[in-house]
């Protein structure tokens, strides 16, 4: 491994591993400070106070009398600006963007910026070198190109900010559900049941032993059925879990492996209880857009600071503001959605009852017609899975039977959340399963809940990456998950 060390006044290079902190670290096993810690402290640091910075070089700037390097570690969108007293040192140490370095320096008052502390380098070690053609440079780079770098793309400012944002969102959801008396649970990703009934499952085989589970097992497409079991015991439950769909959809909004936020709630009897709760949930995670988020790693300010384009920042702000509207988002039935589309879209062929609302229809409804999120409820029964309860009497039509379900559609994305009331009556659920020709025996464990203290209940699932994609103003869902899996791609 290449390693080079700089002490101001002399320059030396040596091969092998090197740590110039040996004696000091012998007395402490504490974690080193992150760049976020250093930036947060810099405003109050004392003149001459020693500091150690560890991270990757983001930029090298050479001036006539000195040089600067920007060091970042991904913990924040900020980089630490480090002054080198001699510009030739960048050449002597062969400093390059991407190298991992360790710098010991001192806080000094900036000579050009009021009330700003700089870090003046005293010692530097290049811990990890990079090739001359290291592909991540201080210049605009397309997301298409970054997808060809599955192990390096996370080091760019924008992609790193997306993953800090994901972390931030998870914390917001954790806080919200705790405040609403929910229990976070961990349902299995291995299952013997097809929750959606669409047959788009990944079969799980085993090496060296046939039929490991003594029945077929699959990667789950949704944890809903297991959440219903847990909600029957814990009242309100939620999870954020990986899900898998063997769906041959090679689009900018589909993944074969994705994360689903799902909630199941006991003692709900109307679909509008679910829609109101879903709106409350989403607004709770974006309400910190203002001043408070400026100090939050992964918040709005962190995300917007990673974009070079003001146009992109404006899109980001507009999307957050769209979700923050105080009024109740519009709610229409599937039937009303057909009428609105047929009256306004000017299609050659009118949509008929039972036709599927396409992504184009969804985006038009939310983005053009309503210009805000919209709930669409009461879809045709035959379009939906077996477990959905019949629509309420004020909506139900025996000639065009519907179920008590909803989709939340948002501008630019289309469907974000799907949910429903679940059939809680044993006889009704059994009849529905049999009428669809499903294997009742395979679902005995699920049906049996209805014979053991059943209660009305319902819930929903939200594609986590779709929310991240919308709120981070990204155009492709593959850019908001660390290692995207989609048809034809599982590179590492």
Protein backbone atom coordinates (compact mmCIF):
# COMPACT_ATOMS: atom_id res chain seq x y z
CA UNK A 1 0.00 0.00 0.00
CA UNK A 2 1.31 3.45 -0.91
CA UNK A 3 1.72 5.88 1.96
CA UNK A 4 3.31 9.30 2.08
CA UNK A 5 3.87 11.58 5.04
CA UNK A 6 4.39 15.32 5.16
CA UNK A 7 5.81 17.30 8.08
CA UNK A 8 5.93 21.01 7.42
CA UNK A 9 9.55 21.93 6.76
CA UNK A 10 10.40 18.57 5.24
CA UNK A 11 8.80 16.02 3.00
CA UNK A 12 9.34 12.27 3.21
CA UNK A 13 7.79 9.26 1.51
CA UNK A 14 7.79 5.63 2.54
CA UNK A 15 6.12 2.39 1.57
CA UNK A 16 3.88 0.37 3.83
CA UNK A 17 1.28 1.30 6.45
CA UNK A 18 1.98 4.43 8.47
CA UNK A 19 0.36 6.19 11.42
CA UNK A 20 1.91 9.35 12.77
CA UNK A 21 -0.52 9.35 15.70
CA UNK A 22 0.97 6.26 17.31
CA UNK A 23 1.81 7.60 20.78
CA UNK A 24 -1.33 9.69 21.12
CA UNK A 25 -3.67 6.88 20.05
CA UNK A 26 -1.99 4.49 22.48
CA UNK A 27 -3.71 6.39 25.29
CA UNK A 28 -7.15 6.61 23.69
CA UNK A 29 -9.45 4.21 21.89
CA UNK A 30 -12.11 6.82 21.18
CA UNK A 31 -13.43 7.23 17.65
CA UNK A 32 -11.85 10.02 15.66
CA UNK A 33 -13.85 13.15 14.85
CA UNK A 34 -15.85 13.23 11.65
CA UNK A 35 -15.75 16.17 9.27
CA UNK A 36 -19.21 17.06 10.57
CA UNK A 37 -17.81 17.30 14.11
CA UNK A 38 -14.89 19.46 12.96
CA UNK A 39 -17.05 21.85 10.94
CA UNK A 40 -19.50 22.21 13.83
CA UNK A 41 -16.60 23.06 16.19
CA UNK A 42 -14.66 25.35 13.86
CA UNK A 43 -16.70 28.44 14.68
CA UNK A 44 -15.74 28.31 18.37
CA UNK A 45 -12.27 26.78 18.07
CA UNK A 46 -9.43 28.56 19.81
CA UNK A 47 -6.53 30.05 17.85
CA UNK A 48 -3.81 27.44 17.53
CA UNK A 49 -6.00 24.57 18.71
CA UNK A 50 -4.83 21.24 17.25
CA UNK A 51 -7.17 19.19 15.08
CA UNK A 52 -6.92 15.92 13.17
CA UNK A 53 -8.88 15.51 9.93
CA UNK A 54 -9.44 12.18 8.14
CA UNK A 55 -11.18 11.76 4.82
CA UNK A 56 -10.83 11.91 1.05
CA UNK A 57 -9.50 14.81 -0.97
CA UNK A 58 -12.37 16.43 -2.82
CA UNK A 59 -10.39 19.25 -4.44
CA UNK A 60 -6.82 20.55 -4.78
CA UNK A 61 -6.31 24.30 -5.35
CA UNK A 62 -2.84 25.68 -5.99
CA UNK A 63 -2.09 29.41 -5.53
CA UNK A 64 1.12 31.43 -5.90
CA UNK A 65 2.15 31.33 -2.24
CA UNK A 66 0.16 28.44 -0.82
CA UNK A 67 -2.34 25.70 -1.66
CA UNK A 68 -5.63 24.41 -0.32
CA UNK A 69 -7.14 20.95 -0.21
CA UNK A 70 -10.77 20.19 0.58
CA UNK A 71 -11.22 17.03 2.65
CA UNK A 72 -14.58 15.31 3.00
CA UNK A 73 -15.64 12.03 4.60
CA UNK A 74 -19.30 11.88 3.53
CA UNK A 75 -20.63 12.62 7.03
CA UNK A 76 -21.86 16.03 5.85
CA UNK A 77 -22.06 18.03 2.63
CA UNK A 78 -19.34 20.29 4.03
CA UNK A 79 -15.64 19.77 3.36
CA UNK A 80 -12.79 20.91 5.60
CA UNK A 81 -10.60 23.54 3.94
CA UNK A 82 -6.94 22.92 4.77
CA UNK A 83 -4.17 25.37 3.96
CA UNK A 84 -0.74 24.12 2.82
CA UNK A 85 1.97 26.81 3.26
CA UNK A 86 3.85 25.90 0.08
CA UNK A 87 2.11 25.15 -3.26
CA UNK A 88 4.96 22.79 -4.22
CA UNK A 89 3.82 20.39 -1.49
CA UNK A 90 0.88 19.28 -3.64
CA UNK A 91 3.41 18.10 -6.25
CA UNK A 92 5.87 16.64 -3.75
CA UNK A 93 3.14 14.46 -2.23
CA UNK A 94 1.43 13.86 -5.59
CA UNK A 95 -1.86 14.99 -4.07
CA UNK A 96 -4.88 13.97 -6.13
CA UNK A 97 -8.64 14.06 -5.85
CA UNK A 98 -9.87 10.85 -4.24
CA UNK A 99 -6.85 10.07 -2.05
CA UNK A 100 -7.55 9.13 1.56
CA UNK A 101 -5.56 11.43 3.84
CA UNK A 102 -4.94 12.12 7.49
CA UNK A 103 -4.08 15.71 8.41
CA UNK A 104 -2.90 17.23 11.67
CA UNK A 105 -3.28 21.00 11.74
CA UNK A 106 -4.17 24.05 13.78
CA UNK A 107 -7.16 26.34 13.71
CA UNK A 108 -6.16 29.82 12.52
CA UNK A 109 -8.23 32.90 11.83
CA UNK A 110 -8.75 33.36 8.12
CA UNK A 111 -6.98 36.38 6.66
CA UNK A 112 -9.66 36.88 4.01
CA UNK A 113 -12.90 35.84 5.74
CA UNK A 114 -14.17 37.48 8.92
CA UNK A 115 -14.90 35.24 11.91
CA UNK A 116 -13.87 32.10 10.03
CA UNK A 117 -11.31 29.58 11.25
CA UNK A 118 -9.10 27.78 8.74
CA UNK A 119 -7.02 24.71 9.36
CA UNK A 120 -3.30 25.15 8.70
CA UNK A 121 -1.62 21.84 7.95
CA UNK A 122 1.32 20.73 10.10
CA UNK A 123 1.48 17.05 9.15
CA UNK A 124 -0.18 14.98 6.45
CA UNK A 125 -0.27 11.30 5.56
CA UNK A 126 -1.62 9.91 2.32
CA UNK A 127 -3.21 6.67 3.54
CA UNK A 128 -4.83 5.43 0.36
CA UNK A 129 -3.65 6.38 -3.11
CA UNK A 130 -5.75 6.48 -6.29
CA UNK A 131 -4.78 5.92 -9.94
CA UNK A 132 -4.13 8.89 -12.18
CA UNK A 133 -7.38 8.16 -14.02
CA UNK A 134 -9.51 8.10 -10.87
CA UNK A 135 -13.00 8.67 -12.31
CA UNK A 136 -14.51 10.94 -9.62
CA UNK A 137 -13.27 14.49 -10.18
CA UNK A 138 -14.25 18.02 -9.18
CA UNK A 139 -16.56 18.55 -12.14
CA UNK A 140 -20.14 17.92 -13.16
CA UNK A 141 -20.80 14.22 -13.69
CA UNK A 142 -23.96 12.62 -15.04
CA UNK A 143 -25.92 10.11 -13.02
CA UNK A 144 -25.84 7.80 -16.04
CA UNK A 145 -22.05 7.71 -15.83
CA UNK A 146 -22.03 7.26 -12.05
CA UNK A 147 -24.21 4.16 -12.37
CA UNK A 148 -21.25 2.54 -14.15
CA UNK A 149 -19.23 3.01 -10.92
CA UNK A 150 -21.21 0.91 -8.39
CA UNK A 151 -18.52 1.09 -5.67
CA UNK A 152 -17.37 4.69 -6.10
CA UNK A 153 -20.44 6.75 -6.98
CA UNK A 154 -21.35 7.22 -3.31
CA UNK A 155 -18.32 9.49 -2.87
CA UNK A 156 -19.81 12.24 -5.02
CA UNK A 157 -21.48 15.09 -3.17
CA UNK A 158 -24.94 14.50 -4.64
CA UNK A 159 -25.10 10.73 -4.19
CA UNK A 160 -23.68 10.95 -0.67
CA UNK A 161 -26.32 13.55 0.20
CA UNK A 162 -29.06 11.17 -0.99
CA UNK A 163 -27.91 8.50 1.47
CA UNK A 164 -27.65 10.96 4.33
CA UNK A 165 -31.19 11.98 3.40
CA UNK A 166 -32.38 8.35 3.50
CA UNK A 167 -30.93 8.05 6.99
CA UNK A 168 -32.61 11.31 8.01
CA UNK A 169 -35.98 10.11 6.71
CA UNK A 170 -35.74 6.82 8.58
CA UNK A 171 -35.17 8.75 11.80
CA UNK A 172 -38.17 10.98 11.07
CA UNK A 173 -40.41 7.97 10.52
CA UNK A 174 -39.11 6.36 13.69
CA UNK A 175 -39.99 9.48 15.68
CA UNK A 176 -43.41 9.81 14.05
CA UNK A 177 -44.54 6.24 14.60
CA UNK A 178 -43.30 6.27 18.18
CA UNK A 179 -45.37 9.41 18.80
CA UNK A 180 -48.43 7.58 17.40
CA UNK A 181 -47.99 4.55 19.72
CA UNK A 182 -46.76 2.17 17.01
CA UNK A 183 -44.44 -0.75 17.65
CA UNK A 184 -41.62 -1.31 15.14
CA UNK A 185 -41.42 -4.99 14.17
CA UNK A 186 -39.20 -7.15 11.98
CA UNK A 187 -41.29 -9.49 9.82
CA UNK A 188 -39.52 -12.16 7.74
CA UNK A 189 -38.23 -11.67 4.22
CA UNK A 190 -38.57 -15.42 3.57
CA UNK A 191 -42.17 -16.49 3.09
CA UNK A 192 -44.29 -19.34 1.79
CA UNK A 193 -47.12 -17.03 0.68
CA UNK A 194 -47.69 -14.70 -2.25
CA UNK A 195 -49.20 -11.64 -0.61
CA UNK A 196 -50.20 -9.88 -3.81
CA UNK A 197 -51.28 -12.99 -5.72
CA UNK A 198 -49.48 -11.81 -8.86
CA UNK A 199 -46.93 -14.61 -8.90
CA UNK A 200 -43.96 -12.24 -9.32
CA UNK A 201 -41.82 -13.91 -6.65
CA UNK A 202 -38.18 -14.91 -6.43
CA UNK A 203 -37.93 -18.60 -5.51
CA UNK A 204 -35.40 -19.38 -2.78
CA UNK A 205 -33.40 -22.53 -3.41
CA UNK A 206 -30.76 -24.07 -1.18
CA UNK A 207 -27.38 -25.62 -1.88
CA UNK A 208 -26.92 -29.26 -1.02
CA UNK A 209 -30.39 -29.90 0.41
CA UNK A 210 -33.57 -30.19 -1.59
CA UNK A 211 -36.70 -28.58 -0.17
CA UNK A 212 -34.90 -27.01 2.79
CA UNK A 213 -38.14 -25.74 4.36
CA UNK A 214 -40.17 -28.81 3.29
CA UNK A 215 -42.21 -26.43 1.13
CA UNK A 216 -41.47 -23.77 -1.45
CA UNK A 217 -40.07 -20.54 -0.03
CA UNK A 218 -39.82 -17.13 -1.66
CA UNK A 219 -38.45 -13.66 -1.06
CA UNK A 220 -41.33 -11.55 0.15
CA UNK A 221 -43.11 -9.03 -2.08
CA UNK A 222 -44.76 -7.49 0.99
CA UNK A 223 -44.73 -8.19 4.71
CA UNK A 224 -48.40 -7.28 5.06
CA UNK A 225 -49.77 -10.71 5.97
CA UNK A 226 -47.24 -11.11 8.77
CA UNK A 227 -47.91 -7.55 9.92
CA UNK A 228 -51.58 -8.44 10.28
CA UNK A 229 -50.58 -11.25 12.62
CA UNK A 230 -48.48 -8.87 14.70
CA UNK A 231 -51.06 -6.08 14.71
CA UNK A 232 -53.60 -8.52 16.16
CA UNK A 233 -51.31 -8.77 19.20
CA UNK A 234 -49.66 -5.33 19.32
CA UNK A 235 -52.48 -3.08 17.99
CA UNK A 236 -50.34 -0.82 15.78
CA UNK A 237 -47.19 -1.97 14.02
CA UNK A 238 -44.85 -0.73 11.32
CA UNK A 239 -41.71 -1.85 9.55
CA UNK A 240 -39.18 -0.76 6.94
CA UNK A 241 -38.14 -3.93 5.18
CA UNK A 242 -36.54 -5.04 1.91
CA UNK A 243 -39.03 -6.52 -0.56
CA UNK A 244 -38.47 -8.29 -3.86
CA UNK A 245 -40.46 -8.51 -7.08
CA UNK A 246 -39.56 -10.60 -10.10
CA UNK A 247 -41.31 -8.08 -12.32
CA UNK A 248 -39.72 -7.42 -15.69
CA UNK A 249 -40.13 -3.64 -15.44
CA UNK A 250 -37.02 -1.83 -16.66
CA UNK A 251 -38.17 1.72 -15.87
CA UNK A 252 -36.89 4.69 -13.89
CA UNK A 253 -39.36 3.96 -11.05
CA UNK A 254 -39.07 0.18 -10.57
CA UNK A 255 -36.54 -1.99 -8.75
CA UNK A 256 -36.33 -5.74 -8.23
CA UNK A 257 -35.15 -5.18 -4.66
CA UNK A 258 -36.53 -2.20 -2.81
CA UNK A 259 -37.47 -1.06 0.69
CA UNK A 260 -41.09 -0.89 1.73
CA UNK A 261 -42.46 1.05 4.67
CA UNK A 262 -45.58 -0.77 5.84
CA UNK A 263 -48.01 -0.14 8.66
CA UNK A 264 -50.91 -2.19 9.99
CA UNK A 265 -53.49 -0.70 12.33
CA UNK A 266 -56.15 -2.42 14.41
CA UNK A 267 -59.65 -1.01 14.96
CA UNK A 268 -60.01 1.00 11.76
CA UNK A 269 -63.29 0.71 9.87
CA UNK A 270 -63.16 3.35 7.14
CA UNK A 271 -60.64 3.84 4.37
CA UNK A 272 -60.51 7.59 5.09
CA UNK A 273 -58.96 6.84 8.48
CA UNK A 274 -56.04 5.42 6.54
CA UNK A 275 -55.80 8.26 4.01
CA UNK A 276 -55.81 10.92 6.73
CA UNK A 277 -53.16 9.05 8.67
CA UNK A 278 -50.99 8.65 5.55
CA UNK A 279 -51.11 12.41 4.91
CA UNK A 280 -50.25 13.14 8.53
CA UNK A 281 -47.30 10.73 8.33
CA UNK A 282 -45.78 12.26 5.20
CA UNK A 283 -46.21 15.82 6.36
CA UNK A 284 -44.53 15.00 9.65
CA UNK A 285 -41.29 13.98 7.92
CA UNK A 286 -41.02 17.10 5.76
CA UNK A 287 -42.13 19.71 8.29
CA UNK A 288 -38.50 20.45 9.32
CA UNK A 289 -37.74 22.14 5.99
CA UNK A 290 -37.15 25.49 7.69
CA UNK A 291 -34.40 26.89 9.90
CA UNK A 292 -34.17 23.85 12.15
CA UNK A 293 -33.01 21.64 9.29
CA UNK A 294 -29.88 23.73 8.71
CA UNK A 295 -28.15 21.87 11.53
CA UNK A 296 -29.54 18.45 10.64
CA UNK A 297 -27.34 16.01 8.75
CA UNK A 298 -29.42 14.73 5.85
CA UNK A 299 -32.14 17.38 6.15
CA UNK A 300 -33.39 19.81 3.53
CA UNK A 301 -30.43 22.18 3.82
CA UNK A 302 -27.94 19.32 3.53
CA UNK A 303 -29.72 17.95 0.47
CA UNK A 304 -30.07 21.30 -1.32
CA UNK A 305 -26.42 22.24 -0.67
CA UNK A 306 -25.25 19.28 -2.74
CA UNK A 307 -26.79 20.68 -5.95
CA UNK A 308 -24.84 23.07 -8.19
CA UNK A 309 -27.92 24.17 -10.12
CA UNK A 310 -30.34 26.70 -8.66
CA UNK A 311 -33.01 25.16 -10.90
CA UNK A 312 -32.53 21.84 -9.10
CA UNK A 313 -32.75 23.55 -5.70
CA UNK A 314 -35.99 25.24 -6.78
CA UNK A 315 -37.46 21.87 -7.82
CA UNK A 316 -36.42 20.41 -4.48
CA UNK A 317 -38.05 23.23 -2.56
CA UNK A 318 -41.24 23.06 -4.64
CA UNK A 319 -41.61 19.33 -4.02
CA UNK A 320 -41.23 19.67 -0.26
CA UNK A 321 -43.71 22.56 -0.23
CA UNK A 322 -46.20 20.47 -2.22
CA UNK A 323 -46.36 17.92 0.60
CA UNK A 324 -46.50 20.61 3.28
CA UNK A 325 -49.85 22.09 2.21
CA UNK A 326 -52.00 22.20 5.33
CA UNK A 327 -55.35 21.45 3.73
CA UNK A 328 -56.64 17.92 3.28
CA UNK A 329 -55.42 16.47 0.01
CA UNK A 330 -58.18 15.73 -2.53
CA UNK A 331 -59.83 12.32 -2.39
CA UNK A 332 -61.66 10.86 -5.38
CA UNK A 333 -62.95 7.41 -6.22
CA UNK A 334 -61.62 5.33 -9.11
CA UNK A 335 -64.89 6.03 -10.94
CA UNK A 336 -64.46 9.78 -10.50
CA UNK A 337 -60.86 9.49 -11.70
CA UNK A 338 -62.08 7.91 -14.94
CA UNK A 339 -64.59 10.72 -15.43
CA UNK A 340 -61.98 13.45 -14.83
CA UNK A 341 -59.49 11.87 -17.21
CA UNK A 342 -62.08 11.32 -19.95
CA UNK A 343 -63.36 14.89 -19.67
CA UNK A 344 -59.95 16.56 -19.73
CA UNK A 345 -57.33 14.40 -21.40
CA UNK A 346 -58.83 14.39 -24.89
CA UNK A 347 -57.93 10.76 -25.46
CA UNK A 348 -58.94 9.04 -28.67
CA UNK A 349 -60.30 6.12 -26.65
CA UNK A 350 -62.21 6.78 -23.45
CA UNK A 351 -61.28 4.84 -20.36
CA UNK A 352 -63.90 2.28 -19.45
CA UNK A 353 -64.79 0.81 -16.08
CA UNK A 354 -62.12 -1.74 -15.21
CA UNK A 355 -59.36 -0.12 -17.26
CA UNK A 356 -56.07 0.33 -15.42
CA UNK A 357 -54.92 3.79 -14.50
CA UNK A 358 -51.45 3.98 -16.03
CA UNK A 359 -48.50 5.89 -14.60
CA UNK A 360 -49.18 8.57 -17.23
CA UNK A 361 -52.76 8.92 -15.96
CA UNK A 362 -51.58 9.09 -12.34
CA UNK A 363 -48.96 11.76 -13.04
CA UNK A 364 -51.49 13.81 -14.98
CA UNK A 365 -54.08 13.64 -12.19
CA UNK A 366 -51.65 14.70 -9.46
CA UNK A 367 -49.29 16.92 -11.43
CA UNK A 368 -51.53 18.69 -13.95
CA UNK A 369 -55.16 18.44 -12.82
CA UNK A 370 -54.89 18.72 -9.02
CA UNK A 371 -51.29 19.95 -8.84
CA UNK A 372 -50.91 18.26 -5.48
CA UNK A 373 -51.09 14.77 -3.99
CA UNK A 374 -54.43 13.03 -4.48
CA UNK A 375 -55.99 9.92 -2.98
CA UNK A 376 -57.84 7.58 -5.34
CA UNK A 377 -60.12 5.14 -3.52
CA UNK A 378 -62.46 2.23 -4.22
CA UNK A 379 -60.87 0.44 -7.17
CA UNK A 380 -62.61 -2.46 -8.97
CA UNK A 381 -62.53 -5.60 -6.86
CA UNK A 382 -61.07 -7.78 -9.63
CA UNK A 383 -58.01 -5.50 -9.90
CA UNK A 384 -57.03 -5.98 -6.28
CA UNK A 385 -55.74 -8.80 -4.02
CA UNK A 386 -57.99 -11.25 -2.18
CA UNK A 387 -57.71 -9.74 1.31
CA UNK A 388 -59.38 -6.35 0.62
CA UNK A 389 -62.68 -5.55 2.26
CA UNK A 390 -65.75 -4.49 0.28
CA UNK A 391 -66.27 -0.74 -0.16
CA UNK A 392 -68.56 1.10 2.25
CA UNK A 393 -72.30 1.05 1.40
CA UNK A 394 -72.31 4.70 0.27
CA UNK A 395 -69.88 3.81 -2.53
CA UNK A 396 -70.46 0.13 -3.29
CA UNK A 397 -72.25 -0.87 -6.49
CA UNK A 398 -73.12 -4.54 -6.88
CA UNK A 399 -72.91 -4.23 -10.67
CA UNK A 400 -69.45 -2.68 -10.47
CA UNK A 401 -68.10 -4.08 -7.17
CA UNK A 402 -65.26 -2.18 -5.52
CA UNK A 403 -63.06 -2.64 -2.47
CA UNK A 404 -62.16 -0.25 0.36
CA UNK A 405 -58.68 0.64 -0.79
CA UNK A 406 -56.67 3.68 -1.78
CA UNK A 407 -53.62 4.78 -3.71
CA UNK A 408 -51.81 8.01 -2.90
CA UNK A 409 -50.65 9.56 -6.16
CA UNK A 410 -48.10 12.38 -6.16
CA UNK A 411 -46.81 14.65 -8.95
CA UNK A 412 -43.84 13.40 -11.02
CA UNK A 413 -43.96 9.93 -9.44
CA UNK A 414 -47.47 8.51 -9.65
CA UNK A 415 -48.38 5.92 -7.03
CA UNK A 416 -46.48 6.31 -3.76
CA UNK A 417 -48.66 4.50 -1.21
CA UNK A 418 -51.24 1.74 -1.55
CA UNK A 419 -53.46 0.52 1.26
CA UNK A 420 -56.82 -0.95 2.19
CA UNK A 421 -59.13 -2.26 4.85
CA UNK A 422 -58.63 -6.01 5.29
CA UNK A 423 -61.38 -8.62 5.41
CA UNK A 424 -61.63 -9.61 9.07
CA UNK A 425 -64.60 -11.98 8.82
CA UNK A 426 -63.60 -15.66 8.56
CA UNK A 427 -66.43 -16.78 6.27
CA UNK A 428 -66.06 -13.81 3.93
CA UNK A 429 -62.30 -14.28 3.60
CA UNK A 430 -62.69 -18.02 2.98
CA UNK A 431 -65.27 -17.42 0.25
CA UNK A 432 -63.02 -14.85 -1.44
CA UNK A 433 -60.02 -17.19 -1.47
CA UNK A 434 -62.06 -20.08 -2.83
CA UNK A 435 -63.75 -17.92 -5.50
CA UNK A 436 -60.30 -16.99 -6.84
CA UNK A 437 -59.16 -20.60 -6.99
CA UNK A 438 -56.38 -20.01 -4.49
CA UNK A 439 -54.79 -22.68 -2.30
CA UNK A 440 -56.68 -22.27 0.97
CA UNK A 441 -54.45 -24.71 2.82
CA UNK A 442 -51.35 -22.60 2.14
CA UNK A 443 -53.08 -19.66 3.84
CA UNK A 444 -54.55 -21.50 6.83
CA UNK A 445 -52.14 -19.70 9.17
CA UNK A 446 -53.44 -16.36 7.92
CA UNK A 447 -57.13 -17.23 7.72
CA UNK A 448 -57.03 -18.65 11.25
CA UNK A 449 -56.56 -15.16 12.66
CA UNK A 450 -60.21 -14.53 11.87
CA UNK A 451 -61.24 -17.28 14.32
CA UNK A 452 -59.20 -15.93 17.20
CA UNK A 453 -60.41 -12.59 18.46
CA UNK A 454 -60.60 -10.87 15.08
CA UNK A 455 -60.93 -7.06 14.86
CA UNK A 456 -61.41 -4.65 11.96
CA UNK A 457 -58.03 -3.53 10.69
CA UNK A 458 -56.23 -2.00 7.74
CA UNK A 459 -52.91 -0.73 6.59
CA UNK A 460 -50.71 0.44 3.75
CA UNK A 461 -47.33 0.10 2.10
CA UNK A 462 -45.11 2.85 0.72
CA UNK A 463 -42.18 2.43 -1.64
CA UNK A 464 -39.42 4.09 0.36
CA UNK A 465 -37.20 4.76 -2.67
CA UNK A 466 -40.06 6.52 -4.47
CA UNK A 467 -40.39 8.96 -1.59
CA UNK A 468 -36.63 9.51 -1.47
CA UNK A 469 -36.63 9.99 -5.25
CA UNK A 470 -39.38 12.62 -5.06
CA UNK A 471 -38.03 14.56 -2.08
CA UNK A 472 -34.43 14.54 -3.34
CA UNK A 473 -35.49 15.69 -6.84
CA UNK A 474 -33.84 12.71 -8.51
CA UNK A 475 -35.10 11.44 -11.86
CA UNK A 476 -34.21 7.75 -11.56
CA UNK A 477 -34.98 5.42 -8.69
CA UNK A 478 -31.65 3.64 -9.25
CA UNK A 479 -29.89 6.76 -7.95
CA UNK A 480 -31.49 6.64 -4.49
CA UNK A 481 -30.57 3.10 -3.47
CA UNK A 482 -27.01 2.06 -2.70
CA UNK A 483 -26.82 -1.00 -4.97
CA UNK A 484 -29.76 -1.06 -7.40
CA UNK A 485 -31.12 -4.43 -8.53
CA UNK A 486 -33.20 -4.50 -11.70
CA UNK A 487 -33.74 -6.88 -14.63
CA UNK A 488 -30.37 -7.86 -16.04
CA UNK A 489 -28.32 -6.20 -13.31
CA UNK A 490 -26.80 -7.53 -10.10
CA UNK A 491 -23.23 -6.33 -10.51
CA UNK A 492 -21.79 -6.65 -7.03
